[in-house]
Amino acid sequence: MVVLAVATNLTAAALLACTILFYIVVYTAWLKRATPQNIVIGGAAGALPPVIGWAAATGEVGLEPLALFLIIFLWTPPHFWALALNRTDDYARAGVPMLPVVAGRTATTRQILIYSGMLALASELPWMLGFAGPIYGATTAICGALFLLLALQLSRSTGADRRAAHRLFVFSIVYLFALFAALLVDHGSGSFPPMRSSHGGRGVSVHTELKSGAVRSACCTVNFSEV
């Protein structure tokens, strides 16, 4: 954190410190074994790296990194619950109250479908806010439709069918990678119009190269080890 503060700025270092503290104390030490919503609330820590990367590049936090935060935050529950559906006995023996252990398969698949719908909508935000181009827009439309299809198939499957949950879990990894890769390609190819500052009151045109660098920094800080 000290190195990050010296190399970039205090905003990025403070965000990193809060992320580590939240993950270790709030999620690992408390929420993980206290509530079936553990992965929902704790998912905030895993969703903060793009915000940290953006702050490191710009010294501020705007709507753009918050949109990326929301995507990862909504992606986390269906990703981990799909895995938990096929590991229910393991979680039960370990005393971890994951949603499938506490609420059962039907309630879990329903929640997965709900979060998948919200994820598909939230994934359009980078394009709607103007910091993603047509490559990202096409990628998120296709991947979002596939994610929803797999979630729907899972909700209609039986408890004996482990393949539906496994398919969704595997595709969720591909989904997140594909979205951020498409965002990087858009900014590498310059296939989007110049962006403006997310701070509307300032009304100042922001240099495209600066924001593109911030997007690349935010994308490259996504922690895929969480998957």
C-alpha atoms as a PDB file:
ATOM      1  CA  MET A   1       0.000   0.000   0.000  1.00  0.00           C
ATOM      2  CA  VAL A   2       2.875   2.350   0.797  1.00  0.00           C
ATOM      3  CA  VAL A   3       4.452   1.507  -2.555  1.00  0.00           C
ATOM      4  CA  LEU A   4       1.137   2.158  -4.323  1.00  0.00           C
ATOM      5  CA  ALA A   5       0.769   5.513  -2.542  1.00  0.00           C
ATOM      6  CA  VAL A   6       4.264   6.570  -3.544  1.00  0.00           C
ATOM      7  CA  ALA A   7       4.034   5.235  -7.101  1.00  0.00           C
ATOM      8  CA  THR A   8       0.506   6.542  -7.821  1.00  0.00           C
ATOM      9  CA  ASN A   9      -1.586   8.415  -5.249  1.00  0.00           C
ATOM     10  CA  LEU A  10      -3.212   8.226  -1.812  1.00  0.00           C
ATOM     11  CA  THR A  11      -6.697   7.596  -3.223  1.00  0.00           C
ATOM     12  CA  ALA A  12      -5.657   4.310  -4.825  1.00  0.00           C
ATOM     13  CA  ALA A  13      -3.701   3.278  -1.724  1.00  0.00           C
ATOM     14  CA  ALA A  14      -6.639   4.038   0.583  1.00  0.00           C
ATOM     15  CA  LEU A  15      -9.004   2.044  -1.612  1.00  0.00           C
ATOM     16  CA  LEU A  16      -6.592  -0.894  -1.594  1.00  0.00           C
ATOM     17  CA  ALA A  17      -6.315  -0.742   2.207  1.00  0.00           C
ATOM     18  CA  CYS A  18     -10.109  -0.717   2.567  1.00  0.00           C
ATOM     19  CA  THR A  19     -10.429  -3.645   0.155  1.00  0.00           C
ATOM     20  CA  ILE A  20      -7.928  -5.783   2.062  1.00  0.00           C
ATOM     21  CA  LEU A  21      -9.490  -4.882   5.415  1.00  0.00           C
ATOM     22  CA  PHE A  22     -12.991  -5.638   4.163  1.00  0.00           C
ATOM     23  CA  TYR A  23     -11.961  -8.991   2.688  1.00  0.00           C
ATOM     24  CA  ILE A  24     -10.015 -10.203   5.726  1.00  0.00           C
ATOM     25  CA  VAL A  25     -12.139  -8.849   8.580  1.00  0.00           C
ATOM     26  CA  VAL A  26     -15.677  -8.368   7.252  1.00  0.00           C
ATOM     27  CA  TYR A  27     -15.881 -11.249   4.773  1.00  0.00           C
ATOM     28  CA  THR A  28     -13.426 -13.963   5.875  1.00  0.00           C
ATOM     29  CA  ALA A  29     -13.587 -13.551   9.651  1.00  0.00           C
ATOM     30  CA  TRP A  30     -17.270 -12.643   9.965  1.00  0.00           C
ATOM     31  CA  LEU A  31     -19.662 -12.975   7.018  1.00  0.00           C
ATOM     32  CA  LYS A  32     -18.358 -16.209   5.486  1.00  0.00           C
ATOM     33  CA  ARG A  33     -19.744 -18.353   8.305  1.00  0.00           C
ATOM     34  CA  ALA A  34     -22.498 -16.026   9.491  1.00  0.00           C
ATOM     35  CA  THR A  35     -24.965 -15.563   6.616  1.00  0.00           C
ATOM     36  CA  PRO A  36     -25.997 -17.149   3.310  1.00  0.00           C
ATOM     37  CA  GLN A  37     -25.565 -13.672   1.809  1.00  0.00           C
ATOM     38  CA  ASN A  38     -21.838 -13.922   2.540  1.00  0.00           C
ATOM     39  CA  ILE A  39     -20.783 -13.966  -1.086  1.00  0.00           C
ATOM     40  CA  VAL A  40     -23.130 -11.105  -2.010  1.00  0.00           C
ATOM     41  CA  ILE A  41     -21.810  -8.664   0.588  1.00  0.00           C
ATOM     42  CA  GLY A  42     -18.262  -9.994   0.477  1.00  0.00           C
ATOM     43  CA  GLY A  43     -18.306  -9.686  -3.289  1.00  0.00           C
ATOM     44  CA  ALA A  44     -17.721  -5.958  -2.879  1.00  0.00           C
ATOM     45  CA  ALA A  45     -14.075  -6.640  -2.049  1.00  0.00           C
ATOM     46  CA  GLY A  46     -13.582  -8.673  -5.215  1.00  0.00           C
ATOM     47  CA  ALA A  47     -15.284  -5.988  -7.294  1.00  0.00           C
ATOM     48  CA  LEU A  48     -13.097  -3.079  -6.154  1.00  0.00           C
ATOM     49  CA  PRO A  49      -9.872  -3.724  -8.163  1.00  0.00           C
ATOM     50  CA  PRO A  50     -11.112  -1.827 -11.259  1.00  0.00           C
ATOM     51  CA  VAL A  51     -11.889   1.159  -9.024  1.00  0.00           C
ATOM     52  CA  ILE A  52      -8.390   0.955  -7.560  1.00  0.00           C
ATOM     53  CA  GLY A  53      -6.850   0.741 -11.025  1.00  0.00           C
ATOM     54  CA  TRP A  54      -8.863   3.735 -12.223  1.00  0.00           C
ATOM     55  CA  ALA A  55      -7.894   5.770  -9.157  1.00  0.00           C
ATOM     56  CA  ALA A  56      -4.243   4.859  -9.681  1.00  0.00           C
ATOM     57  CA  ALA A  57      -4.403   6.183 -13.240  1.00  0.00           C
ATOM     58  CA  THR A  58      -6.517   9.311 -12.657  1.00  0.00           C
ATOM     59  CA  GLY A  59      -6.426  10.102  -8.938  1.00  0.00           C
ATOM     60  CA  GLU A  60     -10.218  10.080  -8.759  1.00  0.00           C
ATOM     61  CA  VAL A  61     -13.265   7.810  -8.811  1.00  0.00           C
ATOM     62  CA  GLY A  62     -15.915   8.406 -11.458  1.00  0.00           C
ATOM     63  CA  LEU A  63     -18.968   6.700 -12.909  1.00  0.00           C
ATOM     64  CA  GLU A  64     -16.863   4.557 -15.225  1.00  0.00           C
ATOM     65  CA  PRO A  65     -15.069   2.473 -12.559  1.00  0.00           C
ATOM     66  CA  LEU A  66     -18.276   2.265 -10.527  1.00  0.00           C
ATOM     67  CA  ALA A  67     -19.976   0.698 -13.552  1.00  0.00           C
ATOM     68  CA  LEU A  68     -17.182  -1.891 -13.735  1.00  0.00           C
ATOM     69  CA  PHE A  69     -17.546  -2.444  -9.980  1.00  0.00           C
ATOM     70  CA  LEU A  70     -21.273  -3.101 -10.395  1.00  0.00           C
ATOM     71  CA  ILE A  71     -20.670  -5.641 -13.164  1.00  0.00           C
ATOM     72  CA  ILE A  72     -18.295  -7.719 -11.044  1.00  0.00           C
ATOM     73  CA  PHE A  73     -20.463  -7.285  -7.937  1.00  0.00           C
ATOM     74  CA  LEU A  74     -23.529  -8.700  -9.733  1.00  0.00           C
ATOM     75  CA  TRP A  75     -21.459 -11.385 -11.461  1.00  0.00           C
ATOM     76  CA  THR A  76     -20.131 -12.806  -8.186  1.00  0.00           C
ATOM     77  CA  PRO A  77     -23.316 -14.438  -6.764  1.00  0.00           C
ATOM     78  CA  PRO A  78     -24.330 -16.491  -9.830  1.00  0.00           C
ATOM     79  CA  HIS A  79     -20.702 -17.512 -10.371  1.00  0.00           C
ATOM     80  CA  PHE A  80     -20.156 -18.844  -6.845  1.00  0.00           C
ATOM     81  CA  TRP A  81     -23.677 -20.170  -6.305  1.00  0.00           C
ATOM     82  CA  ALA A  82     -23.401 -22.223  -9.500  1.00  0.00           C
ATOM     83  CA  LEU A  83     -20.254 -23.771  -8.039  1.00  0.00           C
ATOM     84  CA  ALA A  84     -21.861 -24.198  -4.617  1.00  0.00           C
ATOM     85  CA  LEU A  85     -24.792 -26.146  -6.090  1.00  0.00           C
ATOM     86  CA  ASN A  86     -22.403 -28.995  -6.919  1.00  0.00           C
ATOM     87  CA  ARG A  87     -20.475 -28.629  -3.659  1.00  0.00           C
ATOM     88  CA  THR A  88     -23.374 -28.364  -1.215  1.00  0.00           C
ATOM     89  CA  ASP A  89     -22.265 -31.317   0.912  1.00  0.00           C
ATOM     90  CA  ASP A  90     -18.720 -29.968   1.176  1.00  0.00           C
ATOM     91  CA  TYR A  91     -19.931 -26.554   2.331  1.00  0.00           C
ATOM     92  CA  ALA A  92     -22.342 -28.150   4.814  1.00  0.00           C
ATOM     93  CA  ARG A  93     -19.562 -30.271   6.358  1.00  0.00           C
ATOM     94  CA  ALA A  94     -17.322 -27.212   6.585  1.00  0.00           C
ATOM     95  CA  GLY A  95     -20.042 -25.222   8.326  1.00  0.00           C
ATOM     96  CA  VAL A  96     -20.208 -22.547   5.618  1.00  0.00           C
ATOM     97  CA  PRO A  97     -23.848 -21.415   5.149  1.00  0.00           C
ATOM     98  CA  MET A  98     -23.806 -20.972   1.385  1.00  0.00           C
ATOM     99  CA  LEU A  99     -27.245 -20.315  -0.102  1.00  0.00           C
ATOM    100  CA  PRO A 100     -27.751 -23.870  -1.482  1.00  0.00           C
ATOM    101  CA  VAL A 101     -27.034 -25.276   1.996  1.00  0.00           C
ATOM    102  CA  VAL A 102     -29.463 -22.963   3.802  1.00  0.00           C
ATOM    103  CA  ALA A 103     -32.220 -22.294   1.249  1.00  0.00           C
ATOM    104  CA  GLY A 104     -32.022 -25.285  -1.079  1.00  0.00           C
ATOM    105  CA  ARG A 105     -31.608 -25.710  -4.809  1.00  0.00           C
ATOM    106  CA  THR A 106     -34.850 -24.121  -6.000  1.00  0.00           C
ATOM    107  CA  ALA A 107     -34.326 -20.865  -4.108  1.00  0.00           C
ATOM    108  CA  THR A 108     -30.696 -20.737  -5.217  1.00  0.00           C
ATOM    109  CA  THR A 109     -31.417 -21.204  -8.925  1.00  0.00           C
ATOM    110  CA  ARG A 110     -34.115 -18.529  -8.675  1.00  0.00           C
ATOM    111  CA  GLN A 111     -31.625 -16.091  -7.177  1.00  0.00           C
ATOM    112  CA  ILE A 112     -29.068 -16.998  -9.834  1.00  0.00           C
ATOM    113  CA  LEU A 113     -31.602 -16.170 -12.551  1.00  0.00           C
ATOM    114  CA  ILE A 114     -32.444 -12.824 -10.911  1.00  0.00           C
ATOM    115  CA  TYR A 115     -28.813 -11.810 -10.535  1.00  0.00           C
ATOM    116  CA  SER A 116     -28.073 -12.965 -14.083  1.00  0.00           C
ATOM    117  CA  GLY A 117     -30.766 -10.626 -15.394  1.00  0.00           C
ATOM    118  CA  MET A 118     -29.386  -7.697 -13.404  1.00  0.00           C
ATOM    119  CA  LEU A 119     -25.873  -8.568 -14.583  1.00  0.00           C
ATOM    120  CA  ALA A 120     -26.915  -8.545 -18.238  1.00  0.00           C
ATOM    121  CA  LEU A 121     -28.410  -5.077 -17.806  1.00  0.00           C
ATOM    122  CA  ALA A 122     -25.489  -3.687 -15.799  1.00  0.00           C
ATOM    123  CA  SER A 123     -23.021  -4.998 -18.363  1.00  0.00           C
ATOM    124  CA  GLU A 124     -24.469  -2.544 -20.889  1.00  0.00           C
ATOM    125  CA  LEU A 125     -23.474   0.455 -18.735  1.00  0.00           C
ATOM    126  CA  PRO A 126     -19.945   0.945 -20.178  1.00  0.00           C
ATOM    127  CA  TRP A 127     -21.461   1.249 -23.659  1.00  0.00           C
ATOM    128  CA  MET A 128     -24.323   3.456 -22.431  1.00  0.00           C
ATOM    129  CA  LEU A 129     -21.938   5.756 -20.550  1.00  0.00           C
ATOM    130  CA  GLY A 130     -19.773   6.129 -23.631  1.00  0.00           C
ATOM    131  CA  PHE A 131     -16.515   4.572 -22.513  1.00  0.00           C
ATOM    132  CA  ALA A 132     -16.946   1.376 -24.530  1.00  0.00           C
ATOM    133  CA  GLY A 133     -17.402   0.946 -28.271  1.00  0.00           C
ATOM    134  CA  PRO A 134     -19.181  -1.412 -30.675  1.00  0.00           C
ATOM    135  CA  ILE A 135     -16.879  -4.371 -29.977  1.00  0.00           C
ATOM    136  CA  TYR A 136     -17.801  -4.296 -26.303  1.00  0.00           C
ATOM    137  CA  GLY A 137     -21.461  -3.645 -27.110  1.00  0.00           C
ATOM    138  CA  ALA A 138     -21.708  -6.679 -29.387  1.00  0.00           C
ATOM    139  CA  THR A 139     -19.741  -8.883 -26.987  1.00  0.00           C
ATOM    140  CA  THR A 140     -21.848  -8.045 -23.948  1.00  0.00           C
ATOM    141  CA  ALA A 141     -25.112  -8.504 -25.892  1.00  0.00           C
ATOM    142  CA  ILE A 142     -24.125 -11.991 -27.066  1.00  0.00           C
ATOM    143  CA  CYS A 143     -22.540 -13.084 -23.784  1.00  0.00           C
ATOM    144  CA  GLY A 144     -25.402 -11.645 -21.747  1.00  0.00           C
ATOM    145  CA  ALA A 145     -27.947 -13.616 -23.760  1.00  0.00           C
ATOM    146  CA  LEU A 146     -25.936 -16.823 -23.321  1.00  0.00           C
ATOM    147  CA  PHE A 147     -25.546 -16.199 -19.583  1.00  0.00           C
ATOM    148  CA  LEU A 148     -29.303 -15.749 -19.199  1.00  0.00           C
ATOM    149  CA  LEU A 149     -29.976 -18.858 -21.285  1.00  0.00           C
ATOM    150  CA  LEU A 150     -27.695 -20.987 -19.099  1.00  0.00           C
ATOM    151  CA  ALA A 151     -29.239 -19.532 -15.937  1.00  0.00           C
ATOM    152  CA  LEU A 152     -32.712 -20.359 -17.260  1.00  0.00           C
ATOM    153  CA  GLN A 153     -31.618 -23.904 -18.114  1.00  0.00           C
ATOM    154  CA  LEU A 154     -30.251 -24.260 -14.589  1.00  0.00           C
ATOM    155  CA  SER A 155     -33.510 -23.065 -13.034  1.00  0.00           C
ATOM    156  CA  ARG A 156     -35.385 -25.709 -15.021  1.00  0.00           C
ATOM    157  CA  SER A 157     -32.964 -28.547 -14.295  1.00  0.00           C
ATOM    158  CA  THR A 158     -33.358 -31.189 -11.606  1.00  0.00           C
ATOM    159  CA  GLY A 159     -31.172 -31.756  -8.574  1.00  0.00           C
ATOM    160  CA  ALA A 160     -29.686 -34.854 -10.180  1.00  0.00           C
ATOM    161  CA  ASP A 161     -28.409 -32.838 -13.150  1.00  0.00           C
ATOM    162  CA  ARG A 162     -25.039 -31.404 -12.157  1.00  0.00           C
ATOM    163  CA  ARG A 163     -24.117 -30.413 -15.699  1.00  0.00           C
ATOM    164  CA  ALA A 164     -26.327 -27.302 -15.848  1.00  0.00           C
ATOM    165  CA  ALA A 165     -24.652 -25.735 -12.812  1.00  0.00           C
ATOM    166  CA  HIS A 166     -21.205 -26.681 -14.103  1.00  0.00           C
ATOM    167  CA  ARG A 167     -21.908 -25.150 -17.526  1.00  0.00           C
ATOM    168  CA  LEU A 168     -22.991 -21.868 -15.965  1.00  0.00           C
ATOM    169  CA  PHE A 169     -19.976 -21.815 -13.637  1.00  0.00           C
ATOM    170  CA  VAL A 170     -17.529 -22.361 -16.485  1.00  0.00           C
ATOM    171  CA  PHE A 171     -19.227 -19.847 -18.766  1.00  0.00           C
ATOM    172  CA  SER A 172     -19.278 -17.220 -16.007  1.00  0.00           C
ATOM    173  CA  ILE A 173     -15.468 -17.247 -16.083  1.00  0.00           C
ATOM    174  CA  VAL A 174     -15.487 -16.845 -19.859  1.00  0.00           C
ATOM    175  CA  TYR A 175     -18.106 -14.092 -19.551  1.00  0.00           C
ATOM    176  CA  LEU A 176     -16.114 -11.818 -17.287  1.00  0.00           C
ATOM    177  CA  PHE A 177     -12.909 -12.340 -19.259  1.00  0.00           C
ATOM    178  CA  ALA A 178     -14.674 -11.667 -22.565  1.00  0.00           C
ATOM    179  CA  LEU A 179     -16.248  -8.416 -21.359  1.00  0.00           C
ATOM    180  CA  PHE A 180     -13.023  -6.903 -20.060  1.00  0.00           C
ATOM    181  CA  ALA A 181     -11.046  -8.171 -23.045  1.00  0.00           C
ATOM    182  CA  ALA A 182     -13.572  -6.509 -25.385  1.00  0.00           C
ATOM    183  CA  LEU A 183     -13.268  -3.285 -23.403  1.00  0.00           C
ATOM    184  CA  LEU A 184      -9.496  -3.396 -23.799  1.00  0.00           C
ATOM    185  CA  VAL A 185      -9.784  -4.092 -27.526  1.00  0.00           C
ATOM    186  CA  ASP A 186     -12.168  -1.157 -27.950  1.00  0.00           C
ATOM    187  CA  HIS A 187      -9.689   1.176 -26.266  1.00  0.00           C
ATOM    188  CA  GLY A 188      -6.758  -0.296 -28.118  1.00  0.00           C
ATOM    189  CA  SER A 189      -8.423   0.150 -31.493  1.00  0.00           C
ATOM    190  CA  GLY A 190      -9.913   3.575 -30.774  1.00  0.00           C
ATOM    191  CA  SER A 191     -13.342   2.440 -31.932  1.00  0.00           C
ATOM    192  CA  PHE A 192     -15.278   4.769 -29.631  1.00  0.00           C
ATOM    193  CA  PRO A 193     -15.816   8.561 -29.593  1.00  0.00           C
ATOM    194  CA  PRO A 194     -13.867  10.859 -27.198  1.00  0.00           C
ATOM    195  CA  MET A 195     -15.289  10.701 -23.682  1.00  0.00           C
ATOM    196  CA  ARG A 196     -16.235  13.463 -21.332  1.00  0.00           C
ATOM    197  CA  SER A 197     -15.697  13.703 -17.617  1.00  0.00           C
ATOM    198  CA  SER A 198     -18.211  11.879 -15.429  1.00  0.00           C
ATOM    199  CA  HIS A 199     -18.246  14.980 -13.175  1.00  0.00           C
ATOM    200  CA  GLY A 200     -21.043  16.815 -14.917  1.00  0.00           C
ATOM    201  CA  GLY A 201     -20.626  20.052 -12.967  1.00  0.00           C
ATOM    202  CA  ARG A 202     -17.166  20.633 -14.358  1.00  0.00           C
ATOM    203  CA  GLY A 203     -18.208  20.315 -17.993  1.00  0.00           C
ATOM    204  CA  VAL A 204     -14.576  19.836 -19.012  1.00  0.00           C
ATOM    205  CA  SER A 205     -13.611  17.666 -21.982  1.00  0.00           C
ATOM    206  CA  VAL A 206     -11.277  14.939 -20.793  1.00  0.00           C
ATOM    207  CA  HIS A 207      -8.347  13.829 -22.898  1.00  0.00           C
ATOM    208  CA  THR A 208      -9.171  10.519 -24.571  1.00  0.00           C
ATOM    209  CA  GLU A 209      -5.747   9.015 -24.035  1.00  0.00           C
ATOM    210  CA  LEU A 210      -5.935   9.639 -20.284  1.00  0.00           C
ATOM    211  CA  LYS A 211      -9.288   7.916 -19.938  1.00  0.00           C
ATOM    212  CA  SER A 212      -8.212   5.079 -22.218  1.00  0.00           C
ATOM    213  CA  GLY A 213      -5.209   4.518 -19.986  1.00  0.00           C
ATOM    214  CA  ALA A 214      -7.494   4.534 -16.963  1.00  0.00           C
ATOM    215  CA  VAL A 215      -9.784   1.947 -18.572  1.00  0.00           C
ATOM    216  CA  ARG A 216      -6.818  -0.274 -19.393  1.00  0.00           C
ATOM    217  CA  SER A 217      -5.529   0.095 -15.839  1.00  0.00           C
ATOM    218  CA  ALA A 218      -8.962  -0.736 -14.409  1.00  0.00           C
ATOM    219  CA  CYS A 219      -9.346  -3.796 -16.653  1.00  0.00           C
ATOM    220  CA  CYS A 220      -5.887  -5.133 -15.875  1.00  0.00           C
ATOM    221  CA  THR A 221      -6.490  -4.985 -12.116  1.00  0.00           C
ATOM    222  CA  VAL A 222      -9.483  -7.336 -12.240  1.00  0.00           C
ATOM    223  CA  ASN A 223      -8.651 -10.220  -9.913  1.00  0.00           C
ATOM    224  CA  PHE A 224      -9.419 -13.346 -11.936  1.00  0.00           C
ATOM    225  CA  SER A 225      -7.939 -15.440  -9.097  1.00  0.00           C
ATOM    226  CA  GLU A 226     -11.325 -14.949  -7.416  1.00  0.00           C
ATOM    227  CA  VAL A 227     -12.953 -17.187 -10.022  1.00  0.00           C
END
